[in-house]
Protein backbone atom coordinates (compact mmCIF):
# COMPACT_ATOMS: atom_id res chain seq x y z
CA MET A 1 26.84 121.35 -200.16
CA SER A 2 27.69 123.90 -203.58
CA LEU A 3 31.20 124.49 -201.65
CA ILE A 4 32.00 121.10 -201.13
CA ARG A 5 31.04 120.40 -204.89
CA SER A 6 32.94 123.27 -205.77
CA LEU A 7 36.14 121.91 -203.86
CA PHE A 8 36.01 118.53 -205.03
CA LYS A 9 36.31 119.56 -208.34
CA SER A 10 38.74 121.96 -208.13
CA PHE A 11 40.54 119.15 -206.35
CA LYS A 12 39.94 116.52 -209.32
CA LYS A 13 41.18 119.22 -211.74
CA ALA A 14 44.20 119.71 -210.18
CA PHE A 15 45.01 115.70 -209.58
CA PHE A 16 44.83 115.22 -213.20
CA SER A 17 46.39 117.91 -214.32
CA ASP A 18 49.40 117.45 -212.63
CA GLU A 19 52.39 116.30 -214.52
CA GLU A 20 53.19 113.40 -212.03
CA VAL A 21 49.80 112.09 -212.37
CA GLN A 22 50.10 112.32 -216.28
CA LYS A 23 53.26 110.16 -216.10
CA LEU A 24 51.98 107.55 -214.04
CA ALA A 25 49.07 107.36 -216.54
CA LYS A 26 50.76 107.00 -220.18
CA LYS A 27 53.23 104.30 -217.84
CA TYR A 28 50.33 102.47 -216.98
CA PRO A 29 47.18 103.07 -219.67
CA ARG A 30 45.08 99.77 -218.57
CA ILE A 31 45.09 100.73 -214.95
CA SER A 32 44.31 104.42 -216.21
CA SER A 33 41.51 103.71 -218.43
CA PHE A 34 39.97 101.44 -215.34
CA LEU A 35 39.94 104.03 -212.91
CA ARG A 36 39.00 105.87 -215.26
CA SER A 37 35.76 104.25 -216.42
CA ARG A 38 35.37 103.45 -212.65
CA CYS A 39 34.72 107.37 -212.10
CA ASP A 40 32.35 107.76 -215.33
CA ARG A 41 29.36 108.94 -214.48
CA THR A 42 27.39 108.32 -217.88
CA LYS A 43 27.48 104.57 -217.55
CA PHE A 44 26.47 102.60 -214.94
CA THR A 45 29.08 100.64 -214.95
CA GLY A 46 30.93 103.52 -214.35
CA LEU A 47 30.77 105.78 -211.04
CA PRO A 48 27.04 104.56 -210.22
CA LEU A 49 28.43 100.86 -210.19
CA THR A 50 31.54 101.75 -208.19
CA ILE A 51 29.80 103.50 -205.41
CA LEU A 52 27.06 100.56 -205.06
CA GLY A 53 29.91 97.79 -205.63
CA VAL A 54 31.79 99.39 -202.44
CA ALA A 55 28.65 100.11 -200.37
CA PHE A 56 27.66 96.78 -200.96
CA PHE A 57 31.01 95.14 -199.44
CA TYR A 58 31.26 97.39 -196.89
CA VAL A 59 27.84 96.47 -195.35
CA VAL A 60 28.74 92.46 -195.95
CA MET A 61 31.85 92.83 -194.16
CA LEU A 62 29.76 94.83 -191.37
CA LEU A 63 27.15 92.11 -191.70
CA PHE A 64 29.65 89.22 -190.86
CA GLY A 65 30.80 91.24 -188.29
CA ALA A 66 28.20 91.01 -186.56
CA VAL A 67 27.04 87.55 -187.21
CA LYS A 68 30.40 86.80 -185.70
CA GLY A 69 30.22 88.86 -182.41
CA PHE A 70 26.95 87.40 -181.97
CA ILE A 71 27.94 83.78 -182.32
CA ASN A 72 31.68 84.40 -180.58
CA SER A 73 31.16 87.53 -178.53
CA ASP A 74 30.04 87.02 -174.61
CA ILE A 75 30.56 90.85 -174.63
CA ILE A 76 27.92 91.48 -176.95
CA VAL A 77 25.24 89.11 -175.52
CA SER A 78 26.37 90.32 -172.63
CA THR A 79 25.66 93.99 -173.49
CA ASP A 80 22.66 93.08 -175.00
CA ALA A 81 21.21 91.53 -171.80
CA GLN A 82 21.87 94.53 -170.00
CA VAL A 83 20.52 97.23 -172.42
CA ASN A 84 17.60 94.98 -172.50
CA ASP A 85 16.88 95.28 -168.54
CA LEU A 86 17.97 98.87 -168.81
CA LEU A 87 15.33 99.80 -170.92
CA TYR A 88 12.86 97.82 -168.93
CA VAL A 89 13.06 100.17 -166.22
CA PHE A 90 12.16 102.93 -168.18
CA ARG A 91 9.01 101.14 -169.29
CA ASN A 92 5.67 102.78 -168.48
CA ALA A 93 2.39 102.01 -170.16
CA THR A 94 2.11 105.31 -172.11
CA ALA A 95 5.42 104.76 -173.66
CA VAL A 96 4.36 101.45 -174.44
CA ARG A 97 1.17 102.55 -176.29
CA VAL A 98 3.38 105.47 -178.73
CA PHE A 99 6.20 102.52 -179.32
CA MET A 100 3.57 99.65 -180.41
CA TRP A 101 2.07 102.69 -183.03
CA PHE A 102 6.29 102.43 -184.56
CA THR A 103 6.88 99.17 -184.45
CA LEU A 104 3.58 98.68 -186.70
CA LEU A 105 5.57 100.09 -189.44
CA GLY A 106 7.26 96.93 -189.28
CA ASN A 107 4.60 94.86 -189.51
CA SER A 108 3.65 92.28 -192.20
CA TRP A 109 0.66 93.13 -192.95
CA ILE A 110 1.31 96.93 -192.87
CA VAL A 111 3.84 97.07 -195.18
CA VAL A 112 2.42 94.62 -197.77
CA VAL A 113 -0.57 97.47 -198.27
CA PHE A 114 1.78 100.20 -197.98
CA ALA A 115 4.11 98.51 -200.62
CA PHE A 116 0.26 97.77 -202.53
CA THR A 117 -0.30 100.75 -202.55
CA SER A 118 3.00 102.32 -203.83
CA SER A 119 2.87 99.92 -206.44
CA ILE A 120 -0.22 101.03 -208.02
CA ILE A 121 1.11 105.01 -207.87
CA LEU A 122 4.25 103.68 -209.56
CA TRP A 123 2.25 101.70 -212.16
CA LEU A 124 -0.26 105.08 -212.78
CA SER A 125 3.23 107.27 -212.69
CA GLY A 126 4.31 105.06 -215.47
CA LYS A 127 7.82 103.90 -213.34
CA LYS A 128 6.64 99.82 -213.65
CA ARG A 129 10.32 99.01 -213.71
CA GLN A 130 10.67 100.27 -209.63
CA ILE A 131 7.59 98.13 -208.97
CA PHE A 132 9.89 94.89 -209.64
CA ALA A 133 12.65 96.20 -207.63
CA LEU A 134 10.25 97.58 -204.85
CA TRP A 135 9.47 93.75 -204.48
CA LEU A 136 12.57 92.30 -205.01
CA VAL A 137 13.96 94.16 -201.74
CA ILE A 138 10.89 93.29 -199.91
CA VAL A 139 10.72 89.44 -200.48
CA GLY A 140 14.71 89.76 -200.87
CA SER A 141 14.97 90.92 -197.10
CA GLU A 142 12.14 88.94 -195.51
CA SER A 143 13.25 85.74 -196.74
CA PHE A 144 17.11 86.05 -195.98
CA THR A 145 15.96 87.25 -192.38
CA SER A 146 13.45 84.23 -191.99
CA ILE A 147 16.09 81.89 -192.88
CA ALA A 148 18.57 83.56 -190.43
CA LYS A 149 16.03 83.10 -188.00
CA LEU A 150 15.70 79.33 -188.52
CA ILE A 151 19.57 79.14 -188.47
CA PHE A 152 20.52 80.73 -185.39
CA HIS A 153 17.29 79.91 -183.55
CA ARG A 154 17.56 82.60 -180.79
CA SER A 155 14.83 82.71 -178.33
CA ARG A 156 13.21 86.48 -177.77
CA PRO A 157 14.42 88.34 -174.19
CA VAL A 158 12.19 87.18 -171.10
CA THR A 159 10.98 90.82 -170.40
CA ALA A 160 9.25 91.07 -173.72
CA VAL A 161 5.93 93.16 -173.61
CA TYR A 162 3.78 90.92 -175.85
CA TRP A 163 4.25 87.35 -177.92
CA GLU A 164 6.21 86.99 -180.81
CA LYS A 165 6.27 83.54 -182.68
CA SER A 166 9.53 83.98 -184.60
CA ASN A 167 13.25 83.63 -183.59
CA SER A 168 14.65 86.89 -182.27
CA PHE A 169 17.70 87.09 -184.62
CA PRO A 170 18.29 88.99 -186.58
CA SER A 171 15.02 91.79 -186.44
CA SER A 172 12.58 91.49 -189.31
CA HIS A 173 11.20 94.77 -188.60
CA ALA A 174 14.16 96.60 -188.53
CA THR A 175 15.05 94.70 -191.69
CA ILE A 176 12.00 95.90 -193.68
CA ALA A 177 12.53 99.22 -192.36
CA VAL A 178 15.51 99.89 -193.91
CA ALA A 179 14.75 98.36 -197.02
CA PHE A 180 11.61 99.28 -197.64
CA TYR A 181 11.35 102.92 -196.41
CA GLY A 182 14.87 103.04 -197.61
CA PHE A 183 13.57 102.42 -201.11
CA ILE A 184 10.68 105.02 -200.92
CA ALA A 185 13.39 107.48 -200.18
CA TYR A 186 15.40 106.42 -202.74
CA LEU A 187 12.41 107.09 -205.18
CA LEU A 188 11.32 110.28 -203.70
CA LEU A 189 15.00 111.62 -204.03
CA ARG A 190 14.94 110.67 -207.76
CA LYS A 191 11.11 112.38 -208.33
CA ILE A 192 11.74 115.43 -205.82
CA LYS A 193 13.87 118.03 -208.20
CA ASN A 194 14.08 120.77 -205.26
CA LYS A 195 17.88 119.85 -203.86
CA LYS A 196 16.41 121.33 -200.26
CA HIS A 197 13.72 119.01 -199.86
CA HIS A 198 16.49 115.90 -200.19
CA PHE A 199 18.03 116.76 -196.63
CA LEU A 200 13.84 116.41 -195.45
CA VAL A 201 13.32 113.39 -197.38
CA ILE A 202 16.81 111.74 -195.65
CA LEU A 203 16.31 113.08 -192.36
CA PHE A 204 12.65 111.98 -191.99
CA THR A 205 13.14 108.66 -193.54
CA MET A 206 16.68 107.61 -191.11
CA VAL A 207 14.21 108.90 -187.94
CA LEU A 208 11.76 106.41 -189.04
CA ILE A 209 13.74 104.06 -189.56
CA CYS A 210 15.67 104.60 -186.17
CA LEU A 211 12.26 104.42 -184.49
CA VAL A 212 11.03 101.13 -185.58
CA GLY A 213 14.35 99.99 -184.48
CA PHE A 214 14.30 101.50 -180.95
CA SER A 215 10.52 100.25 -180.73
CA ARG A 216 11.72 96.51 -180.96
CA LEU A 217 14.45 97.17 -178.33
CA TYR A 218 11.65 99.26 -175.90
CA LEU A 219 9.08 96.80 -176.39
CA GLY A 220 11.74 94.34 -174.93
CA VAL A 221 10.98 91.79 -178.53
CA HIS A 222 14.22 92.42 -179.80
CA TYR A 223 18.06 92.77 -178.32
CA VAL A 224 20.46 95.48 -179.74
CA SER A 225 22.20 92.73 -182.11
CA ASP A 226 19.18 91.92 -183.67
CA VAL A 227 18.09 95.53 -184.67
CA TRP A 228 21.44 96.26 -185.71
CA THR A 229 21.86 93.23 -188.13
CA GLY A 230 18.25 93.47 -189.16
CA TYR A 231 19.89 96.79 -190.60
CA LEU A 232 22.43 95.48 -192.15
CA VAL A 233 20.62 92.63 -193.80
CA GLY A 234 17.95 95.40 -195.14
CA LEU A 235 20.50 98.17 -196.38
CA LEU A 236 22.06 95.01 -198.26
CA TRP A 237 18.87 94.55 -200.09
CA LEU A 238 18.49 98.27 -200.67
CA ILE A 239 21.28 98.34 -202.31
CA ILE A 240 20.78 95.40 -204.39
CA GLY A 241 17.00 97.56 -204.88
CA ILE A 242 19.08 100.79 -205.64
CA SER A 243 21.43 99.37 -208.49
CA ILE A 244 18.31 97.16 -210.72
CA THR A 245 16.73 100.38 -210.87
CA GLU A 246 19.77 102.49 -211.62
CA LEU A 247 20.90 100.14 -214.18
CA ALA A 248 17.35 100.05 -215.85
CA ILE A 249 17.18 103.53 -215.72
CA PHE A 250 20.86 104.22 -217.51
CA GLN A 251 19.62 101.30 -219.97
CA LYS A 252 16.35 103.47 -220.91
CA LYS A 253 14.74 100.23 -220.64
CA ASP A 254 11.10 98.90 -218.99
CA TRP A 255 10.44 95.21 -218.35
CA TRP A 256 6.35 96.25 -219.18
CA THR A 257 5.17 97.97 -222.45
CA GLY A 258 2.90 100.55 -222.31
CA GLN A 259 3.18 104.52 -221.95
CA LYS A 260 2.85 106.79 -218.86
CA ILE A 261 -0.50 106.87 -217.74
CA ILE A 262 -2.13 110.29 -217.77
CA PHE A 263 -4.91 111.49 -215.65
CA LYS A 264 -6.58 114.91 -215.38
CA TYR A 265 -7.54 113.85 -211.58
CA ARG A 266 -4.22 111.70 -210.82
CA LYS A 267 -2.93 114.07 -207.99
CA ILE A 268 -6.63 113.65 -206.55
CA ILE A 269 -6.12 109.96 -206.91
CA PHE A 270 -2.72 109.39 -205.55
CA SER A 271 -3.84 111.56 -202.33
CA SER A 272 -7.12 109.47 -201.96
CA LEU A 273 -4.72 106.49 -201.72
CA ILE A 274 -2.71 107.73 -199.30
CA GLY A 275 -4.93 108.51 -197.11
CA THR A 276 -6.52 105.49 -197.47
CA VAL A 277 -4.17 103.54 -196.36
CA LEU A 278 -3.24 105.91 -193.82
CA ILE A 279 -6.55 105.19 -192.54
CA PHE A 280 -6.29 101.36 -192.87
CA TYR A 281 -3.17 102.25 -190.55
CA ILE A 282 -5.09 104.00 -187.99
CA VAL A 283 -7.86 101.35 -187.68
CA PHE A 284 -5.44 98.24 -187.68
CA GLY A 285 -3.50 99.59 -184.98
CA CYS A 286 -6.59 100.12 -182.75
CA LEU A 287 -7.80 97.16 -183.12
CA TYR A 288 -4.27 95.48 -183.28
CA GLN A 289 -4.25 93.34 -180.00
CA PRO A 290 -1.39 91.47 -179.61
CA LYS A 291 -0.47 88.60 -177.21
CA PHE A 292 0.39 90.70 -174.28
CA LEU A 293 2.92 89.10 -171.50
CA LEU A 294 2.32 88.71 -167.52
CA LYS A 295 5.96 90.23 -166.25
CA LEU A 296 6.92 86.71 -165.16
CA ASN A 297 7.50 86.01 -161.30
CA ASN A 298 11.09 86.38 -159.86
CA ILE A 299 11.03 83.61 -157.04
CA ALA A 300 12.77 80.35 -157.91
CA GLU A 301 12.15 76.83 -157.08
CA ALA A 302 15.46 76.55 -155.09
CA THR A 303 16.10 76.78 -151.68
CA VAL A 304 19.76 77.87 -149.91
CA LEU A 305 20.40 75.45 -146.93
CA ASN A 306 24.02 76.90 -146.36
CA GLN A 307 23.50 80.78 -146.55
CA GLN A 308 27.31 81.54 -146.79
CA ASN A 309 27.76 79.46 -149.56
CA ILE A 310 25.25 80.94 -151.74
CA PHE A 311 27.88 82.84 -154.18
CA GLN A 312 29.19 79.43 -155.17
CA ASP A 313 25.79 76.82 -154.93
CA PHE A 314 24.20 78.92 -157.10
CA ASP A 315 27.06 80.14 -159.14
CA LEU A 316 26.08 84.01 -158.18
CA PRO A 317 28.30 86.60 -159.31
CA ARG A 318 30.35 88.20 -156.29
CA TYR A 319 30.44 91.70 -158.02
CA THR A 320 28.39 94.02 -159.57
CA GLU A 321 28.62 95.01 -163.55
CA THR A 322 28.86 97.97 -166.25
CA LEU A 323 26.74 97.57 -169.12
CA THR A 324 29.28 95.95 -170.82
CA GLY A 325 29.31 93.27 -168.46
CA ASN A 326 32.84 94.66 -166.64
CA THR A 327 32.99 94.00 -162.76
CA GLN A 328 32.54 96.80 -160.22
CA GLU A 329 31.93 96.97 -157.15
CA PRO A 330 31.73 93.58 -154.62
CA ILE A 331 28.09 92.91 -153.33
CA SER A 332 28.62 94.05 -149.67
CA PHE A 333 25.24 93.11 -148.57
CA ILE A 334 23.13 90.10 -148.25
CA ILE A 335 19.96 90.40 -146.57
CA PHE A 336 17.54 87.64 -145.64
CA SER A 337 13.81 88.98 -145.29
CA GLN A 338 10.08 87.56 -144.95
CA ASP A 339 9.52 89.79 -148.22
CA ASP A 340 9.42 92.73 -150.27
CA ASN A 341 7.36 95.41 -147.91
CA SER A 342 9.23 93.91 -144.86
CA PHE A 343 12.29 94.58 -146.14
CA LYS A 344 11.48 97.96 -147.34
CA ARG A 345 9.97 98.68 -143.93
CA SER A 346 13.59 97.81 -142.28
CA MET A 347 15.27 100.05 -144.47
CA ALA A 348 12.67 102.96 -144.20
CA GLU A 349 13.43 102.44 -140.02
CA ALA A 350 16.67 102.72 -140.60
CA GLY A 351 16.33 105.92 -142.14
CA TRP A 352 16.66 104.87 -145.76
CA VAL A 353 14.18 105.84 -148.23
CA LEU A 354 13.38 104.36 -151.27
CA ALA A 355 13.91 105.84 -154.53
CA ASP A 356 11.56 107.41 -157.19
CA PRO A 357 11.72 105.12 -160.37
CA VAL A 358 13.60 106.03 -163.63
CA ASN A 359 11.42 107.59 -165.61
CA PRO A 360 11.06 110.70 -167.92
CA HIS A 361 9.05 112.65 -165.12
CA TYR A 362 11.25 111.92 -162.34
CA THR A 363 14.57 112.38 -164.41
CA TRP A 364 13.36 116.00 -165.33
CA GLU A 365 12.73 116.59 -161.49
CA LEU A 366 16.29 115.21 -160.64
CA ILE A 367 18.04 117.66 -163.35
CA LYS A 368 15.76 120.72 -161.85
CA TYR A 369 16.85 119.79 -158.52
CA ALA A 370 20.48 119.31 -159.15
CA VAL A 371 20.60 122.56 -161.23
CA ALA A 372 19.01 124.37 -158.35
CA ASN A 373 21.33 122.38 -155.99
CA LYS A 374 18.40 121.39 -153.66
CA GLU A 375 17.42 118.37 -152.04
CA TYR A 376 15.40 115.46 -153.22
CA ASP A 377 14.97 112.74 -150.67
CA THR A 378 13.14 110.45 -153.22
CA ALA A 379 15.67 111.22 -156.39
CA PRO A 380 16.04 108.15 -158.94
CA MET A 381 18.55 106.41 -158.98
CA THR A 382 21.41 105.61 -161.88
CA PRO A 383 20.61 101.61 -162.89
CA SER A 384 23.26 99.60 -161.77
CA PHE A 385 23.55 95.55 -162.65
CA TRP A 386 24.09 92.32 -160.90
CA ASN A 387 23.85 89.08 -162.57
CA ARG A 388 22.95 91.07 -165.64
CA GLN A 389 19.80 92.76 -163.97
CA VAL A 390 18.60 96.16 -163.22
CA HIS A 391 18.61 96.61 -159.31
CA ASP A 392 15.20 96.21 -157.94
CA PHE A 393 15.27 98.43 -155.26
CA GLY A 394 17.08 101.78 -154.43
CA PHE A 395 17.38 103.45 -151.31
CA GLU A 396 19.16 106.67 -150.15
CA LYS A 397 19.88 108.92 -147.39
CA SER A 398 20.20 112.80 -146.97
CA THR A 399 23.70 113.91 -145.90
CA GLU A 400 24.34 117.23 -144.01
CA ALA A 401 25.08 118.67 -147.16
CA ASN A 402 21.09 118.43 -147.85
CA THR A 403 21.11 118.23 -151.80
CA VAL A 404 20.46 116.19 -154.48
CA ARG A 405 24.32 116.18 -155.53
CA GLN A 406 25.36 114.40 -152.27
CA ARG A 407 23.10 111.11 -151.01
CA HIS A 408 24.10 108.10 -149.63
CA HIS A 409 23.35 105.33 -152.06
CA SER A 410 22.07 101.43 -151.82
CA ARG A 411 21.05 99.32 -154.28
CA PHE A 412 19.47 96.19 -154.01
CA TRP A 413 18.59 93.00 -156.02
CA LYS A 414 16.42 90.18 -155.78
CA THR A 415 18.07 86.91 -156.45
CA GLY A 416 14.68 85.25 -156.72
CA LEU A 417 16.22 82.30 -154.05
CA LEU A 418 14.44 81.66 -150.84
CA THR A 419 16.20 80.60 -147.10
CA GLU A 420 14.73 77.17 -145.49
CA LYS A 421 12.90 79.23 -143.44
CA GLY A 422 11.04 81.00 -146.95
CA GLU A 423 12.82 84.19 -146.78
CA ASN A 424 13.61 86.11 -150.01
CA ILE A 425 17.57 87.09 -150.72
CA TYR A 426 18.73 90.51 -151.51
CA MET A 427 22.39 91.43 -152.71
CA GLY A 428 23.30 95.05 -152.38
CA THR A 429 25.60 97.77 -152.66
CA VAL A 430 26.38 101.09 -151.11
CA SER A 431 28.00 104.39 -152.36
CA LEU A 432 28.29 108.04 -151.48
CA ASP A 433 27.50 110.53 -154.48
CA THR A 434 29.74 113.47 -153.84
CA GLY A 435 28.74 115.20 -157.21
CA ILE A 436 27.19 115.46 -160.58
CA LYS A 437 29.19 113.90 -162.93
CA TRP A 438 28.71 114.65 -167.41
CA PHE A 439 25.09 116.29 -166.00
CA VAL A 440 23.64 112.79 -166.26
CA THR A 441 25.19 110.68 -163.55
CA HIS A 442 27.17 110.98 -160.22
CA LYS A 443 30.35 110.86 -158.64
CA ILE A 444 31.36 108.67 -155.80
CA SER A 445 33.62 108.69 -153.30
CA PRO A 446 36.22 105.90 -153.23
CA ASP A 447 35.85 104.62 -150.12
CA ILE A 448 32.71 102.61 -150.11
CA ASP A 449 33.40 100.26 -146.84
CA THR A 450 32.85 103.44 -145.05
CA GLU A 451 29.33 103.20 -146.89
CA ARG A 452 28.68 99.89 -145.74
CA GLU A 453 29.75 100.40 -142.17
CA LEU A 454 27.18 103.47 -142.51
CA LEU A 455 23.94 100.92 -143.46
CA PHE A 456 24.94 98.47 -141.12
CA ILE A 457 24.82 100.90 -137.72
CA ASP A 458 21.60 102.31 -138.89
CA LEU A 459 19.76 98.98 -139.57
CA GLN A 460 21.77 98.20 -136.27
CA THR A 461 20.42 101.27 -134.69
CA ALA A 462 16.70 100.97 -135.50
CA GLY A 463 16.67 97.14 -133.98
CA ARG A 464 15.87 95.85 -137.35
CA ILE A 465 19.05 93.20 -137.81
CA LYS A 466 18.09 89.68 -135.50
CA ASN A 467 21.34 88.26 -136.54
CA PHE A 468 24.56 88.92 -138.62
CA ILE A 469 28.04 87.53 -139.91
CA ARG A 470 30.47 89.52 -141.28
CA VAL A 471 32.82 87.81 -143.65
CA LYS A 472 35.22 88.38 -146.27
CA SER A 473 33.88 88.04 -149.65
CA VAL A 474 36.27 88.96 -152.20
CA PRO A 475 40.32 90.04 -151.58
CA PRO A 476 40.64 93.60 -151.60
CA VAL A 477 39.80 95.60 -154.05
CA LEU A 478 40.84 98.36 -156.22
CA GLY A 479 38.45 99.15 -158.80
CA LYS A 480 36.97 101.57 -160.91
CA ASN A 481 32.47 101.61 -161.88
CA PHE A 482 31.23 102.56 -165.01
CA SER A 483 31.85 106.35 -165.22
CA GLY A 484 35.71 105.89 -164.28
CA ASP A 485 35.58 106.43 -160.56
CA GLN A 486 37.47 104.98 -158.12
CA PHE A 487 36.82 102.49 -155.53
CA PHE A 488 38.55 100.57 -152.64
CA THR A 489 37.14 98.11 -150.38
CA ASP A 490 38.60 95.13 -147.78
CA GLY A 491 36.22 92.43 -149.48
CA GLU A 492 33.91 91.87 -146.73
CA ALA A 493 30.11 91.67 -146.88
CA TYR A 494 27.50 91.47 -144.02
CA PHE A 495 25.25 88.55 -144.44
CA ILE A 496 22.29 90.17 -142.01
CA GLN A 497 18.42 88.31 -141.24
CA PHE A 498 15.82 91.02 -140.68
């Protein structure tokens, strides 16, 4: 940091001492005077207001772009839904409990108690002007968010862990995380003299803000665009609060009379206040019992009369999708089975085992087996999307290489539709993994038709197919999947009844 300051001072000195710059300054005195005033550190209307004004304008533009994108962009809405579904795959009871504690940091009761305690500490420290700015930031940001929720009236995701009574866009938790905790961090930075500790304050605050925002996504109560817009609204009001505080500091003005109150045991009082509020947070978290929601039943009240027209009749996509909604491989299997257990049993008898769920434990196991290049029969699979949903079932089969890096893969989605006989309908794709890519996902073989025929032959050999028909579902395709791997197919698909 000292090196950067030194370089900046050297550049500044060289710039203003340059003959051409001095000529321009004499030629345009008003412009020169205006620019010098904007860089004046001794006045609030100088460099402080310039920095805050530029930051405010930039955030306003970002906020305008975020709102415009939410209203007009199908890509943003599609990505919101698919990220929500992707995080749903990684959800487990332990992580939900952990992230509930982080999301409570944006709860209105917690924020009010924290803010009230902060106000007492500021009052006892003689920082009364900062109390006004603190509450202005809180009330302003929350009011702005509440009005926006009423205007946009966006519903919460259906995969929410618990019920929230307000609308979704933008996230008030994300807003208050930036506005309130950001302002507390600003006050600490002004108080702390040791510059080395500034980095720790900034890092801790940023991590805290990110965890509050991510908790809203993981718990399924918000979309990505909700949280991002909430961050921008909070940042807007944080800049307003900082500007008001800096103006008062430069003017050496307080809005209430009175001297700084000094207590002999002030540190003990402050520690007691902080300890009390932390105890309140813990007790509140232990007693907090929101209305938890059960997973919605995926079976729709709809019966498919003409099975071959399922795509047209119910406006279902014929292709899988990337996270941003771009098309990938076409659906190559439409399977009719009595229920999930019967479907999984048929796949098992054909030699395809059910993959482990995607969670931290199994993902770590996958990494270990991949590094050792060993076989992991039930290794978790990279999530794929169809109709904005993550696949419900993943099946795999070992290759001759007998390693986790090479596997036959099939992914299937429940459509929520039934045949006249009451059979569930599943959509599926197949692929062959040929190696690890980016240490995260697999590289696939481009010939996905060969994999389609392999699965069909396995099912036929196992005697699980009662009836089938092979149809031209889409035109021949030469495309790429989400990781950029090429594939080609003749566009045909199997309709199979187990």
